[in-house]
Amino acid sequence: MKRLAVLVAALLCASGIGFAGAYFTAQQSVPENVIRAGTVAVSAAPASEAISMDNLAPGTPQSRVLEVSNTGSLPVDVRVTGAKRAGITAFYNVLECTVTSAGQTVYSGLLSEMATAPVRLAPGQATDLEFAVTVPASAQNTLSGSYVKLTLYVDAEQAR
């Protein structure tokens, strides 16, 4: 009898544990989740010969505008640099350049050393970069008729 009582008690405890662990539950699925990385992209207009100039005279700057647009989905910091591709190095090394964006100077110095300060653009935003280039009034007459051919590089980096 004692054994039977112990067995019944054990069965009641086991069945009680099962009932104590029962809770109501529910589940909802949320399908079709897609996670995409943002994009960094810029465009420049005009796409070529943006700052081409003729008849540059000492002490008389000429200005050209390059429109830069953020065509990506993330905010970016845009910087512009240049590199000589052909022409007279002595002429390239004396050219002075000032670059402005929205009335703010982002570079002022020699064209050969140009690296603008960053200009922040939100997605879809554009800015006009105005390049004012001049031959200094102190330039030697030997530079008359000189030329330089250069490439502008518009670099964009995700804003942090």
C-alpha atoms as a PDB file:
ATOM      1  CA  MET A   1       0.000   0.000   0.000  1.00  0.00           C
ATOM      2  CA  LYS A   2       2.834   2.287   0.847  1.00  0.00           C
ATOM      3  CA  ARG A   3       4.259   1.647  -2.590  1.00  0.00           C
ATOM      4  CA  LEU A   4       0.975   2.450  -4.235  1.00  0.00           C
ATOM      5  CA  ALA A   5       0.693   5.727  -2.338  1.00  0.00           C
ATOM      6  CA  VAL A   6       4.219   6.734  -3.414  1.00  0.00           C
ATOM      7  CA  LEU A   7       3.424   5.806  -7.032  1.00  0.00           C
ATOM      8  CA  VAL A   8       0.168   7.816  -7.016  1.00  0.00           C
ATOM      9  CA  ALA A   9       1.959  10.800  -5.456  1.00  0.00           C
ATOM     10  CA  ALA A  10       4.685  10.605  -8.113  1.00  0.00           C
ATOM     11  CA  LEU A  11       2.080  10.478 -10.905  1.00  0.00           C
ATOM     12  CA  LEU A  12       0.209  13.445  -9.462  1.00  0.00           C
ATOM     13  CA  CYS A  13       3.461  15.458  -9.229  1.00  0.00           C
ATOM     14  CA  ALA A  14       4.434  14.573 -12.797  1.00  0.00           C
ATOM     15  CA  SER A  15       1.032  15.531 -14.148  1.00  0.00           C
ATOM     16  CA  GLY A  16       1.073  18.763 -12.093  1.00  0.00           C
ATOM     17  CA  ILE A  17       4.412  19.787 -13.585  1.00  0.00           C
ATOM     18  CA  GLY A  18       3.012  19.407 -17.086  1.00  0.00           C
ATOM     19  CA  PHE A  19       0.046  21.604 -16.249  1.00  0.00           C
ATOM     20  CA  ALA A  20       2.191  24.233 -14.542  1.00  0.00           C
ATOM     21  CA  GLY A  21       4.291  24.687 -17.750  1.00  0.00           C
ATOM     22  CA  ALA A  22       1.333  25.234 -20.100  1.00  0.00           C
ATOM     23  CA  TYR A  23       0.896  28.837 -21.298  1.00  0.00           C
ATOM     24  CA  PHE A  24      -1.093  30.328 -24.144  1.00  0.00           C
ATOM     25  CA  THR A  25       1.086  31.255 -27.129  1.00  0.00           C
ATOM     26  CA  ALA A  26       0.717  32.845 -30.542  1.00  0.00           C
ATOM     27  CA  GLN A  27       3.007  33.659 -33.447  1.00  0.00           C
ATOM     28  CA  GLN A  28       2.792  36.149 -36.309  1.00  0.00           C
ATOM     29  CA  SER A  29       5.124  35.904 -39.297  1.00  0.00           C
ATOM     30  CA  VAL A  30       6.364  39.081 -40.971  1.00  0.00           C
ATOM     31  CA  PRO A  31       7.643  37.994 -44.403  1.00  0.00           C
ATOM     32  CA  GLU A  32       9.495  39.691 -47.249  1.00  0.00           C
ATOM     33  CA  ASN A  33      11.998  41.751 -45.216  1.00  0.00           C
ATOM     34  CA  VAL A  34      14.741  43.241 -47.414  1.00  0.00           C
ATOM     35  CA  ILE A  35      17.715  45.183 -46.122  1.00  0.00           C
ATOM     36  CA  ARG A  36      19.706  47.198 -48.641  1.00  0.00           C
ATOM     37  CA  ALA A  37      22.893  49.208 -48.339  1.00  0.00           C
ATOM     38  CA  GLY A  38      22.767  52.857 -49.312  1.00  0.00           C
ATOM     39  CA  THR A  39      24.650  54.202 -52.319  1.00  0.00           C
ATOM     40  CA  VAL A  40      27.252  56.904 -52.836  1.00  0.00           C
ATOM     41  CA  ALA A  41      27.190  58.461 -56.303  1.00  0.00           C
ATOM     42  CA  VAL A  42      27.845  61.894 -57.787  1.00  0.00           C
ATOM     43  CA  SER A  43      27.499  63.511 -61.159  1.00  0.00           C
ATOM     44  CA  ALA A  44      29.076  66.644 -62.580  1.00  0.00           C
ATOM     45  CA  ALA A  45      27.859  68.960 -65.322  1.00  0.00           C
ATOM     46  CA  PRO A  46      29.252  69.758 -67.721  1.00  0.00           C
ATOM     47  CA  ALA A  47      30.819  66.326 -67.988  1.00  0.00           C
ATOM     48  CA  SER A  48      33.855  67.622 -69.901  1.00  0.00           C
ATOM     49  CA  GLU A  49      35.668  70.918 -70.442  1.00  0.00           C
ATOM     50  CA  ALA A  50      34.015  72.339 -67.324  1.00  0.00           C
ATOM     51  CA  ILE A  51      36.664  74.967 -66.646  1.00  0.00           C
ATOM     52  CA  SER A  52      38.160  75.369 -70.126  1.00  0.00           C
ATOM     53  CA  MET A  53      39.245  78.980 -70.717  1.00  0.00           C
ATOM     54  CA  ASP A  54      40.776  80.910 -73.602  1.00  0.00           C
ATOM     55  CA  ASN A  55      42.744  84.142 -73.622  1.00  0.00           C
ATOM     56  CA  LEU A  56      43.507  84.179 -69.904  1.00  0.00           C
ATOM     57  CA  ALA A  57      45.357  87.439 -69.182  1.00  0.00           C
ATOM     58  CA  PRO A  58      47.599  88.147 -66.186  1.00  0.00           C
ATOM     59  CA  GLY A  59      45.682  89.645 -63.277  1.00  0.00           C
ATOM     60  CA  THR A  60      42.270  89.065 -64.890  1.00  0.00           C
ATOM     61  CA  PRO A  61      40.450  85.996 -63.544  1.00  0.00           C
ATOM     62  CA  GLN A  62      37.955  84.007 -65.561  1.00  0.00           C
ATOM     63  CA  SER A  63      35.223  81.977 -63.872  1.00  0.00           C
ATOM     64  CA  ARG A  64      33.472  78.762 -64.805  1.00  0.00           C
ATOM     65  CA  VAL A  65      30.831  76.769 -62.940  1.00  0.00           C
ATOM     66  CA  LEU A  66      30.750  73.040 -62.347  1.00  0.00           C
ATOM     67  CA  GLU A  67      27.463  71.686 -60.993  1.00  0.00           C
ATOM     68  CA  VAL A  68      27.943  68.708 -58.682  1.00  0.00           C
ATOM     69  CA  SER A  69      24.939  66.552 -57.699  1.00  0.00           C
ATOM     70  CA  ASN A  70      24.526  63.804 -55.130  1.00  0.00           C
ATOM     71  CA  THR A  71      22.794  61.073 -57.138  1.00  0.00           C
ATOM     72  CA  GLY A  72      23.157  58.442 -54.410  1.00  0.00           C
ATOM     73  CA  SER A  73      20.914  57.642 -51.459  1.00  0.00           C
ATOM     74  CA  LEU A  74      23.318  58.673 -48.661  1.00  0.00           C
ATOM     75  CA  PRO A  75      24.621  62.118 -47.675  1.00  0.00           C
ATOM     76  CA  VAL A  76      28.141  62.732 -49.013  1.00  0.00           C
ATOM     77  CA  ASP A  77      31.126  65.014 -48.605  1.00  0.00           C
ATOM     78  CA  VAL A  78      32.403  66.085 -52.034  1.00  0.00           C
ATOM     79  CA  ARG A  79      35.983  67.178 -52.741  1.00  0.00           C
ATOM     80  CA  VAL A  80      37.504  68.290 -56.047  1.00  0.00           C
ATOM     81  CA  THR A  81      41.123  67.846 -57.085  1.00  0.00           C
ATOM     82  CA  GLY A  82      42.893  68.234 -60.387  1.00  0.00           C
ATOM     83  CA  ALA A  83      45.768  66.672 -62.277  1.00  0.00           C
ATOM     84  CA  LYS A  84      47.778  68.000 -65.219  1.00  0.00           C
ATOM     85  CA  ARG A  85      47.543  65.783 -68.323  1.00  0.00           C
ATOM     86  CA  ALA A  86      49.496  67.849 -70.847  1.00  0.00           C
ATOM     87  CA  GLY A  87      50.884  71.301 -71.416  1.00  0.00           C
ATOM     88  CA  ILE A  88      53.467  73.642 -69.978  1.00  0.00           C
ATOM     89  CA  THR A  89      54.371  72.760 -66.393  1.00  0.00           C
ATOM     90  CA  ALA A  90      55.707  76.260 -65.606  1.00  0.00           C
ATOM     91  CA  PHE A  91      52.325  77.729 -66.655  1.00  0.00           C
ATOM     92  CA  TYR A  92      50.379  75.161 -64.607  1.00  0.00           C
ATOM     93  CA  ASN A  93      52.505  75.899 -61.560  1.00  0.00           C
ATOM     94  CA  VAL A  94      51.696  79.650 -61.528  1.00  0.00           C
ATOM     95  CA  LEU A  95      47.945  79.510 -62.179  1.00  0.00           C
ATOM     96  CA  GLU A  96      45.933  80.647 -59.184  1.00  0.00           C
ATOM     97  CA  CYS A  97      42.477  79.270 -58.422  1.00  0.00           C
ATOM     98  CA  THR A  98      39.672  80.106 -56.034  1.00  0.00           C
ATOM     99  CA  VAL A  99      36.733  77.708 -55.704  1.00  0.00           C
ATOM    100  CA  THR A 100      33.504  78.764 -54.023  1.00  0.00           C
ATOM    101  CA  SER A 101      30.292  76.942 -53.165  1.00  0.00           C
ATOM    102  CA  ALA A 102      27.180  78.815 -52.005  1.00  0.00           C
ATOM    103  CA  GLY A 103      29.294  81.899 -51.310  1.00  0.00           C
ATOM    104  CA  GLN A 104      31.843  79.989 -49.208  1.00  0.00           C
ATOM    105  CA  THR A 105      35.455  79.641 -50.331  1.00  0.00           C
ATOM    106  CA  VAL A 106      36.387  75.949 -50.374  1.00  0.00           C
ATOM    107  CA  TYR A 107      39.827  76.447 -51.954  1.00  0.00           C
ATOM    108  CA  SER A 108      42.188  79.323 -52.662  1.00  0.00           C
ATOM    109  CA  GLY A 109      45.713  78.788 -53.915  1.00  0.00           C
ATOM    110  CA  LEU A 110      47.656  77.324 -56.798  1.00  0.00           C
ATOM    111  CA  LEU A 111      45.627  75.308 -59.298  1.00  0.00           C
ATOM    112  CA  SER A 112      48.405  72.702 -59.292  1.00  0.00           C
ATOM    113  CA  GLU A 113      47.805  72.065 -55.568  1.00  0.00           C
ATOM    114  CA  MET A 114      44.010  72.254 -55.584  1.00  0.00           C
ATOM    115  CA  ALA A 115      42.155  70.056 -53.121  1.00  0.00           C
ATOM    116  CA  THR A 116      38.897  71.647 -52.029  1.00  0.00           C
ATOM    117  CA  ALA A 117      37.460  71.471 -48.556  1.00  0.00           C
ATOM    118  CA  PRO A 118      34.540  69.030 -48.356  1.00  0.00           C
ATOM    119  CA  VAL A 119      31.105  70.209 -49.440  1.00  0.00           C
ATOM    120  CA  ARG A 120      28.274  68.224 -47.830  1.00  0.00           C
ATOM    121  CA  LEU A 121      25.374  67.232 -50.089  1.00  0.00           C
ATOM    122  CA  ALA A 122      22.196  65.461 -49.042  1.00  0.00           C
ATOM    123  CA  PRO A 123      20.715  62.840 -51.398  1.00  0.00           C
ATOM    124  CA  GLY A 124      19.314  64.629 -54.455  1.00  0.00           C
ATOM    125  CA  GLN A 125      21.043  67.908 -53.569  1.00  0.00           C
ATOM    126  CA  ALA A 126      23.279  69.810 -55.994  1.00  0.00           C
ATOM    127  CA  THR A 127      25.691  72.708 -55.676  1.00  0.00           C
ATOM    128  CA  ASP A 128      27.478  74.985 -58.109  1.00  0.00           C
ATOM    129  CA  LEU A 129      31.233  75.098 -57.652  1.00  0.00           C
ATOM    130  CA  GLU A 130      32.612  78.293 -59.162  1.00  0.00           C
ATOM    131  CA  PHE A 131      36.240  78.111 -60.302  1.00  0.00           C
ATOM    132  CA  ALA A 132      37.976  81.478 -60.727  1.00  0.00           C
ATOM    133  CA  VAL A 133      41.359  80.992 -62.432  1.00  0.00           C
ATOM    134  CA  THR A 134      43.971  83.644 -63.088  1.00  0.00           C
ATOM    135  CA  VAL A 135      47.541  84.103 -64.193  1.00  0.00           C
ATOM    136  CA  PRO A 136      49.190  86.278 -61.540  1.00  0.00           C
ATOM    137  CA  ALA A 137      50.114  89.797 -62.666  1.00  0.00           C
ATOM    138  CA  SER A 138      53.743  88.965 -61.858  1.00  0.00           C
ATOM    139  CA  ALA A 139      53.874  86.106 -64.403  1.00  0.00           C
ATOM    140  CA  GLN A 140      56.752  86.206 -66.860  1.00  0.00           C
ATOM    141  CA  ASN A 141      56.135  87.074 -70.472  1.00  0.00           C
ATOM    142  CA  THR A 142      57.635  83.697 -71.461  1.00  0.00           C
ATOM    143  CA  LEU A 143      54.312  82.112 -70.389  1.00  0.00           C
ATOM    144  CA  SER A 144      52.406  83.996 -73.090  1.00  0.00           C
ATOM    145  CA  GLY A 145      50.572  81.511 -75.317  1.00  0.00           C
ATOM    146  CA  SER A 146      51.101  78.633 -72.839  1.00  0.00           C
ATOM    147  CA  TYR A 147      48.437  76.088 -72.100  1.00  0.00           C
ATOM    148  CA  VAL A 148      47.674  73.281 -69.696  1.00  0.00           C
ATOM    149  CA  LYS A 149      45.248  70.409 -70.047  1.00  0.00           C
ATOM    150  CA  LEU A 150      43.931  68.978 -66.793  1.00  0.00           C
ATOM    151  CA  THR A 151      41.391  66.551 -65.434  1.00  0.00           C
ATOM    152  CA  LEU A 152      39.141  67.413 -62.518  1.00  0.00           C
ATOM    153  CA  TYR A 153      38.284  64.651 -60.071  1.00  0.00           C
ATOM    154  CA  VAL A 154      35.057  64.931 -58.096  1.00  0.00           C
ATOM    155  CA  ASP A 155      35.304  62.512 -55.175  1.00  0.00           C
ATOM    156  CA  ALA A 156      32.411  61.704 -52.875  1.00  0.00           C
ATOM    157  CA  GLU A 157      32.632  59.970 -49.528  1.00  0.00           C
ATOM    158  CA  GLN A 158      29.752  58.990 -47.293  1.00  0.00           C
ATOM    159  CA  ALA A 159      29.216  61.740 -44.715  1.00  0.00           C
ATOM    160  CA  ARG A 160      29.872  60.679 -41.159  1.00  0.00           C
END
